[in-house]
Amino acid sequence: PQLNKCVCVFCACVHSSCRLYHSLYHSVWPWQLWLFVFTMVPLALIIIYLHIKRAYMRGIILLKLTEMAMCFFFFLLPLTTSTYFHMHHWYAGWLFGMHANFDVWWSRAVMAWAWGAYINGISVYGRDPVLTCQYAYFVSVDQSCPYMQCYIDAINQPKDLAESTPHPPVAPMIPPNWHNCSADSYHG
């Protein structure tokens, strides 16, 4: 029970999806997915080890760690503080693919796979913002979209007047459900 609380608190802190934890905890994964995980996790660890070993052997481990830390501080940390952050697979592919840049076949294969995920994400689903609704709200406010005044007026409308108008009630922006990144909390 205490471990369950710690895992969910960790998920809440990083605004990750607890669906993975929930799926593992309730064993709803089919055997094929377990096989995939038990194949890919060791493979990923081997690839990470090979990258670390290669960087160490070439004497550039400090450079690589600095490169990764700068990417984390500039491209990931500012976003993870938002409750609207969603790590799209296109963003993960772009972010991780740039670090697999050694001139050996296995590093190039990782870069090709990660950047393939990036290309797949932006071509099939579009380059959705990683801050989801918060980005749309920011752009609307920043560009003085006239709709925003209508939105603000509707929120500030007296309750008795709001009940007599034909449009549905307007609610302030609510963060998406952090358990599964869905908008079901919008329809509360």
Protein backbone atom coordinates (compact mmCIF):
# COMPACT_ATOMS: atom_id res chain seq x y z
CA PRO A 1 0.00 0.00 0.00
CA GLN A 2 2.76 2.47 0.86
CA LEU A 3 4.56 1.62 -2.40
CA ASN A 4 1.33 2.24 -4.31
CA LYS A 5 1.08 5.72 -2.77
CA CYS A 6 4.72 6.47 -3.56
CA VAL A 7 4.32 5.41 -7.18
CA CYS A 8 1.20 7.52 -7.66
CA VAL A 9 2.80 10.52 -5.92
CA PHE A 10 5.79 10.13 -8.23
CA CYS A 11 3.45 10.02 -11.24
CA ALA A 12 1.63 13.11 -10.02
CA CYS A 13 4.87 15.01 -9.47
CA VAL A 14 6.17 14.44 -12.99
CA HIS A 15 2.69 14.72 -14.51
CA SER A 16 3.16 11.33 -16.12
CA SER A 17 0.49 8.93 -17.05
CA CYS A 18 -0.44 6.53 -14.26
CA ARG A 19 -2.10 4.36 -16.87
CA LEU A 20 1.10 2.34 -17.14
CA TYR A 21 1.20 1.77 -13.39
CA HIS A 22 -2.52 1.07 -13.30
CA SER A 23 -2.20 -1.40 -16.18
CA LEU A 24 0.71 -3.18 -14.50
CA TYR A 25 -0.95 -3.23 -11.10
CA HIS A 26 -4.19 -4.70 -12.40
CA SER A 27 -2.49 -7.00 -14.96
CA VAL A 28 -4.54 -5.88 -17.93
CA TRP A 29 -1.68 -6.23 -20.39
CA PRO A 30 -1.80 -9.12 -22.88
CA TRP A 31 1.17 -11.50 -22.98
CA GLN A 32 2.37 -9.97 -26.27
CA LEU A 33 2.82 -6.60 -24.58
CA TRP A 34 4.71 -8.21 -21.70
CA LEU A 35 6.97 -9.90 -24.24
CA PHE A 36 7.56 -6.55 -25.96
CA VAL A 37 8.43 -4.86 -22.65
CA PHE A 38 10.75 -7.65 -21.52
CA THR A 39 12.51 -7.43 -24.88
CA MET A 40 12.68 -3.64 -25.23
CA VAL A 41 13.73 -2.70 -21.68
CA PRO A 42 16.92 -4.82 -21.74
CA LEU A 43 17.60 -3.68 -25.30
CA ALA A 44 17.20 -0.02 -24.26
CA LEU A 45 19.52 -0.56 -21.27
CA ILE A 46 22.12 -2.18 -23.53
CA ILE A 47 21.90 0.73 -26.01
CA ILE A 48 22.26 3.27 -23.18
CA TYR A 49 25.24 1.34 -21.82
CA LEU A 50 26.86 1.25 -25.28
CA HIS A 51 26.40 5.01 -25.65
CA ILE A 52 27.92 5.67 -22.22
CA LYS A 53 30.81 3.30 -22.94
CA ARG A 54 31.45 4.88 -26.34
CA ALA A 55 31.42 8.40 -24.89
CA TYR A 56 33.79 7.33 -22.10
CA MET A 57 36.19 5.59 -24.52
CA ARG A 58 36.32 8.69 -26.74
CA GLY A 59 36.84 10.98 -23.74
CA ILE A 60 33.66 12.96 -24.30
CA ILE A 61 31.51 11.70 -21.45
CA LEU A 62 31.47 15.13 -19.78
CA LEU A 63 30.49 16.76 -23.08
CA LYS A 64 27.63 14.26 -23.55
CA LEU A 65 26.39 14.71 -19.98
CA THR A 66 26.48 18.49 -20.42
CA GLU A 67 24.62 18.17 -23.73
CA MET A 68 21.91 16.03 -22.13
CA ALA A 69 21.64 18.29 -19.07
CA MET A 70 21.24 21.39 -21.26
CA CYS A 71 18.52 19.69 -23.30
CA PHE A 72 16.78 18.65 -20.09
CA PHE A 73 16.96 22.16 -18.59
CA PHE A 74 15.92 23.99 -21.77
CA PHE A 75 13.50 21.60 -23.48
CA LEU A 76 11.96 19.50 -20.73
CA LEU A 77 12.16 21.03 -17.25
CA PRO A 78 10.24 24.26 -18.04
CA LEU A 79 7.42 22.21 -19.55
CA THR A 80 7.11 19.61 -16.80
CA THR A 81 6.12 22.26 -14.27
CA SER A 82 2.81 22.73 -16.10
CA THR A 83 -0.22 20.59 -15.29
CA TYR A 84 -1.01 20.70 -19.02
CA PHE A 85 2.26 19.04 -20.09
CA HIS A 86 1.86 15.96 -22.27
CA MET A 87 4.94 14.14 -23.59
CA HIS A 88 3.84 13.49 -27.17
CA HIS A 89 5.74 10.70 -28.90
CA TRP A 90 6.92 13.14 -31.56
CA TYR A 91 8.54 15.27 -28.85
CA ALA A 92 10.19 12.28 -27.16
CA GLY A 93 11.51 11.05 -30.51
CA TRP A 94 13.00 14.44 -31.33
CA LEU A 95 14.45 14.91 -27.85
CA PHE A 96 16.02 11.47 -27.49
CA GLY A 97 17.04 11.03 -31.13
CA MET A 98 19.46 13.93 -31.08
CA HIS A 99 21.61 12.22 -28.44
CA ALA A 100 22.15 9.03 -30.43
CA ASN A 101 24.75 10.61 -32.68
CA PHE A 102 27.79 8.34 -32.71
CA ASP A 103 29.19 7.16 -36.02
CA VAL A 104 28.39 3.47 -35.46
CA TRP A 105 25.53 1.42 -36.81
CA TRP A 106 23.69 0.86 -33.50
CA SER A 107 23.72 4.56 -32.61
CA ARG A 108 22.54 5.50 -36.07
CA ALA A 109 19.78 2.87 -35.81
CA VAL A 110 18.57 4.41 -32.53
CA MET A 111 18.65 7.88 -34.08
CA ALA A 112 16.72 6.63 -37.12
CA TRP A 113 14.11 4.93 -34.91
CA ALA A 114 13.69 7.97 -32.63
CA TRP A 115 13.48 10.45 -35.49
CA GLY A 116 11.12 8.07 -37.26
CA ALA A 117 8.85 8.40 -34.21
CA TYR A 118 9.17 12.18 -34.54
CA ILE A 119 8.28 12.14 -38.25
CA ASN A 120 5.42 9.71 -37.62
CA GLY A 121 4.04 11.90 -34.86
CA ILE A 122 4.06 15.16 -36.77
CA SER A 123 2.91 13.70 -40.07
CA VAL A 124 0.09 11.49 -38.81
CA TYR A 125 -1.16 13.37 -35.74
CA GLY A 126 0.18 16.87 -36.29
CA ARG A 127 2.66 18.76 -34.18
CA ASP A 128 0.34 19.26 -31.24
CA PRO A 129 1.74 21.51 -28.55
CA VAL A 130 3.20 19.70 -25.55
CA LEU A 131 1.37 22.14 -23.25
CA THR A 132 -1.97 21.19 -24.85
CA CYS A 133 -4.77 23.61 -23.89
CA GLN A 134 -2.47 25.96 -21.98
CA TYR A 135 -0.64 26.77 -25.23
CA ALA A 136 -3.91 27.49 -27.07
CA TYR A 137 -5.01 29.73 -24.21
CA PHE A 138 -1.64 31.55 -24.21
CA VAL A 139 -1.74 32.14 -27.97
CA SER A 140 -5.31 33.41 -27.78
CA VAL A 141 -4.51 35.84 -24.98
CA ASP A 142 -1.14 36.88 -26.41
CA GLN A 143 -2.61 37.69 -29.82
CA SER A 144 -5.57 39.55 -28.31
CA CYS A 145 -8.10 37.15 -29.80
CA PRO A 146 -11.54 38.80 -29.54
CA TYR A 147 -13.03 35.51 -28.41
CA MET A 148 -11.08 35.77 -25.17
CA GLN A 149 -13.10 38.80 -24.06
CA CYS A 150 -16.26 36.84 -24.77
CA TYR A 151 -14.86 33.96 -22.73
CA ILE A 152 -13.94 36.23 -19.81
CA ASP A 153 -17.36 37.93 -19.95
CA ALA A 154 -19.10 34.56 -19.91
CA ILE A 155 -17.10 33.41 -16.87
CA ASN A 156 -17.81 36.66 -15.04
CA GLN A 157 -21.49 36.65 -15.99
CA PRO A 158 -23.83 36.73 -12.96
CA LYS A 159 -25.23 33.29 -12.16
CA ASP A 160 -28.90 34.25 -12.67
CA LEU A 161 -28.15 35.76 -16.09
CA ALA A 162 -26.02 32.74 -17.05
CA GLU A 163 -28.92 30.38 -16.28
CA SER A 164 -31.30 32.32 -18.54
CA THR A 165 -29.00 32.39 -21.60
CA PRO A 166 -29.34 29.69 -24.27
CA HIS A 167 -25.63 28.85 -24.45
CA PRO A 168 -24.08 26.24 -22.15
CA PRO A 169 -22.27 27.52 -19.07
CA VAL A 170 -18.64 28.48 -19.59
CA ALA A 171 -16.16 27.12 -17.07
CA PRO A 172 -12.64 28.34 -16.39
CA MET A 173 -9.82 26.30 -17.91
CA ILE A 174 -9.43 23.00 -16.09
CA PRO A 175 -6.25 20.93 -16.46
CA PRO A 176 -6.67 17.60 -18.23
CA ASN A 177 -6.90 14.40 -16.25
CA TRP A 178 -3.26 13.62 -15.39
CA HIS A 179 -3.97 9.90 -15.04
CA ASN A 180 -4.52 9.45 -18.78
CA CYS A 181 -4.11 12.89 -20.40
CA SER A 182 -7.75 12.86 -21.47
CA ALA A 183 -10.11 15.78 -21.52
CA ASP A 184 -12.74 13.97 -19.49
CA SER A 185 -12.25 16.46 -16.65
CA TYR A 186 -13.52 19.17 -19.02
CA HIS A 187 -16.92 17.56 -19.18
CA GLY A 188 -17.18 17.03 -15.41
